[in-house]
Amino acid sequence: MPRSVYKIIELVGTSTESWDDAARAAVERASSSLRDLRIAEVVKLDLQIKDGKVEAFRAKVSVSFKYEDKE
């Protein structure tokens, strides 16, 4: 069985709509600059509040991607 190595990074996505949208934003942004994303795990959800009202949903997401072999 071949051996693999993965890197895990943490991102925070934000949205004025929902936590789902915030998590999706983080993953979609990561996929624009990283290849071979494998797993995304929502680690924490929180809210940004202004004047007593919810201003934004925030999702902290751990994303893993596989290191590529050098040819």
C-alpha atoms as a PDB file:
ATOM      1  CA  MET A   1       0.000   0.000   0.000  1.00  0.00           C
ATOM      2  CA  PRO A   2       1.466   3.388  -0.970  1.00  0.00           C
ATOM      3  CA  ARG A   3       2.099   5.897   1.789  1.00  0.00           C
ATOM      4  CA  SER A   4       0.456   9.315   1.741  1.00  0.00           C
ATOM      5  CA  VAL A   5       0.955  12.547   3.637  1.00  0.00           C
ATOM      6  CA  TYR A   6      -1.741  15.170   4.158  1.00  0.00           C
ATOM      7  CA  LYS A   7      -1.537  18.777   5.312  1.00  0.00           C
ATOM      8  CA  ILE A   8      -4.325  20.232   7.453  1.00  0.00           C
ATOM      9  CA  ILE A   9      -5.074  23.945   7.525  1.00  0.00           C
ATOM     10  CA  GLU A  10      -7.722  25.926   9.387  1.00  0.00           C
ATOM     11  CA  LEU A  11      -9.856  28.523   7.665  1.00  0.00           C
ATOM     12  CA  VAL A  12     -12.697  30.757   8.807  1.00  0.00           C
ATOM     13  CA  GLY A  13     -15.509  31.356   6.346  1.00  0.00           C
ATOM     14  CA  THR A  14     -18.113  34.060   6.894  1.00  0.00           C
ATOM     15  CA  SER A  15     -21.604  34.641   5.529  1.00  0.00           C
ATOM     16  CA  THR A  16     -24.531  36.907   6.228  1.00  0.00           C
ATOM     17  CA  GLU A  17     -26.871  34.020   5.282  1.00  0.00           C
ATOM     18  CA  SER A  18     -25.987  30.847   7.261  1.00  0.00           C
ATOM     19  CA  TRP A  19     -23.320  28.639   8.806  1.00  0.00           C
ATOM     20  CA  ASP A  20     -23.619  26.282   5.828  1.00  0.00           C
ATOM     21  CA  ASP A  21     -22.847  29.142   3.488  1.00  0.00           C
ATOM     22  CA  ALA A  22     -19.905  30.224   5.664  1.00  0.00           C
ATOM     23  CA  ALA A  23     -18.396  26.710   5.623  1.00  0.00           C
ATOM     24  CA  ARG A  24     -18.977  26.447   1.882  1.00  0.00           C
ATOM     25  CA  ALA A  25     -17.216  29.789   1.333  1.00  0.00           C
ATOM     26  CA  ALA A  26     -14.127  28.550   3.189  1.00  0.00           C
ATOM     27  CA  VAL A  27     -13.954  25.297   1.201  1.00  0.00           C
ATOM     28  CA  GLU A  28     -14.595  26.954  -2.155  1.00  0.00           C
ATOM     29  CA  ARG A  29     -11.913  29.574  -1.507  1.00  0.00           C
ATOM     30  CA  ALA A  30      -9.407  26.903  -0.478  1.00  0.00           C
ATOM     31  CA  SER A  31     -10.175  24.886  -3.603  1.00  0.00           C
ATOM     32  CA  SER A  32      -9.309  27.866  -5.796  1.00  0.00           C
ATOM     33  CA  SER A  33      -5.658  27.757  -4.703  1.00  0.00           C
ATOM     34  CA  LEU A  34      -5.138  24.191  -3.404  1.00  0.00           C
ATOM     35  CA  ARG A  35      -5.445  20.925  -5.302  1.00  0.00           C
ATOM     36  CA  ASP A  36      -6.704  17.541  -4.189  1.00  0.00           C
ATOM     37  CA  LEU A  37      -8.753  18.641  -1.178  1.00  0.00           C
ATOM     38  CA  ARG A  38      -9.852  15.539   0.721  1.00  0.00           C
ATOM     39  CA  ILE A  39     -11.754  16.301   3.931  1.00  0.00           C
ATOM     40  CA  ALA A  40     -13.318  19.381   5.476  1.00  0.00           C
ATOM     41  CA  GLU A  41     -14.384  19.320   9.114  1.00  0.00           C
ATOM     42  CA  VAL A  42     -16.382  22.086  10.752  1.00  0.00           C
ATOM     43  CA  VAL A  43     -14.533  22.684  14.016  1.00  0.00           C
ATOM     44  CA  LYS A  44     -16.434  25.631  15.459  1.00  0.00           C
ATOM     45  CA  LEU A  45     -19.439  27.783  14.682  1.00  0.00           C
ATOM     46  CA  ASP A  46     -19.904  31.301  16.009  1.00  0.00           C
ATOM     47  CA  LEU A  47     -21.706  34.548  15.264  1.00  0.00           C
ATOM     48  CA  GLN A  48     -20.500  38.071  14.723  1.00  0.00           C
ATOM     49  CA  ILE A  49     -22.828  40.481  16.543  1.00  0.00           C
ATOM     50  CA  LYS A  50     -23.289  44.210  16.033  1.00  0.00           C
ATOM     51  CA  ASP A  51     -25.709  46.380  17.999  1.00  0.00           C
ATOM     52  CA  GLY A  52     -27.319  43.268  19.499  1.00  0.00           C
ATOM     53  CA  LYS A  53     -28.092  41.696  16.113  1.00  0.00           C
ATOM     54  CA  VAL A  54     -26.447  38.879  14.186  1.00  0.00           C
ATOM     55  CA  GLU A  55     -24.264  40.451  11.532  1.00  0.00           C
ATOM     56  CA  ALA A  56     -22.503  37.328  10.213  1.00  0.00           C
ATOM     57  CA  PHE A  57     -22.250  33.576  10.624  1.00  0.00           C
ATOM     58  CA  ARG A  58     -18.704  32.216  10.963  1.00  0.00           C
ATOM     59  CA  ALA A  59     -17.493  28.649  10.490  1.00  0.00           C
ATOM     60  CA  LYS A  60     -13.993  27.513  11.427  1.00  0.00           C
ATOM     61  CA  VAL A  61     -13.131  24.668   9.046  1.00  0.00           C
ATOM     62  CA  SER A  62     -10.172  22.265   9.016  1.00  0.00           C
ATOM     63  CA  VAL A  63      -9.355  21.291   5.432  1.00  0.00           C
ATOM     64  CA  SER A  64      -6.925  18.563   4.410  1.00  0.00           C
ATOM     65  CA  PHE A  65      -5.146  18.103   1.124  1.00  0.00           C
ATOM     66  CA  LYS A  66      -2.644  15.551  -0.112  1.00  0.00           C
ATOM     67  CA  TYR A  67       0.979  16.472  -0.680  1.00  0.00           C
ATOM     68  CA  GLU A  68       1.949  15.807  -4.271  1.00  0.00           C
ATOM     69  CA  ASP A  69       4.897  13.617  -5.148  1.00  0.00           C
ATOM     70  CA  LYS A  70       7.701  15.342  -7.039  1.00  0.00           C
ATOM     71  CA  GLU A  71       8.296  13.790 -10.419  1.00  0.00           C
END
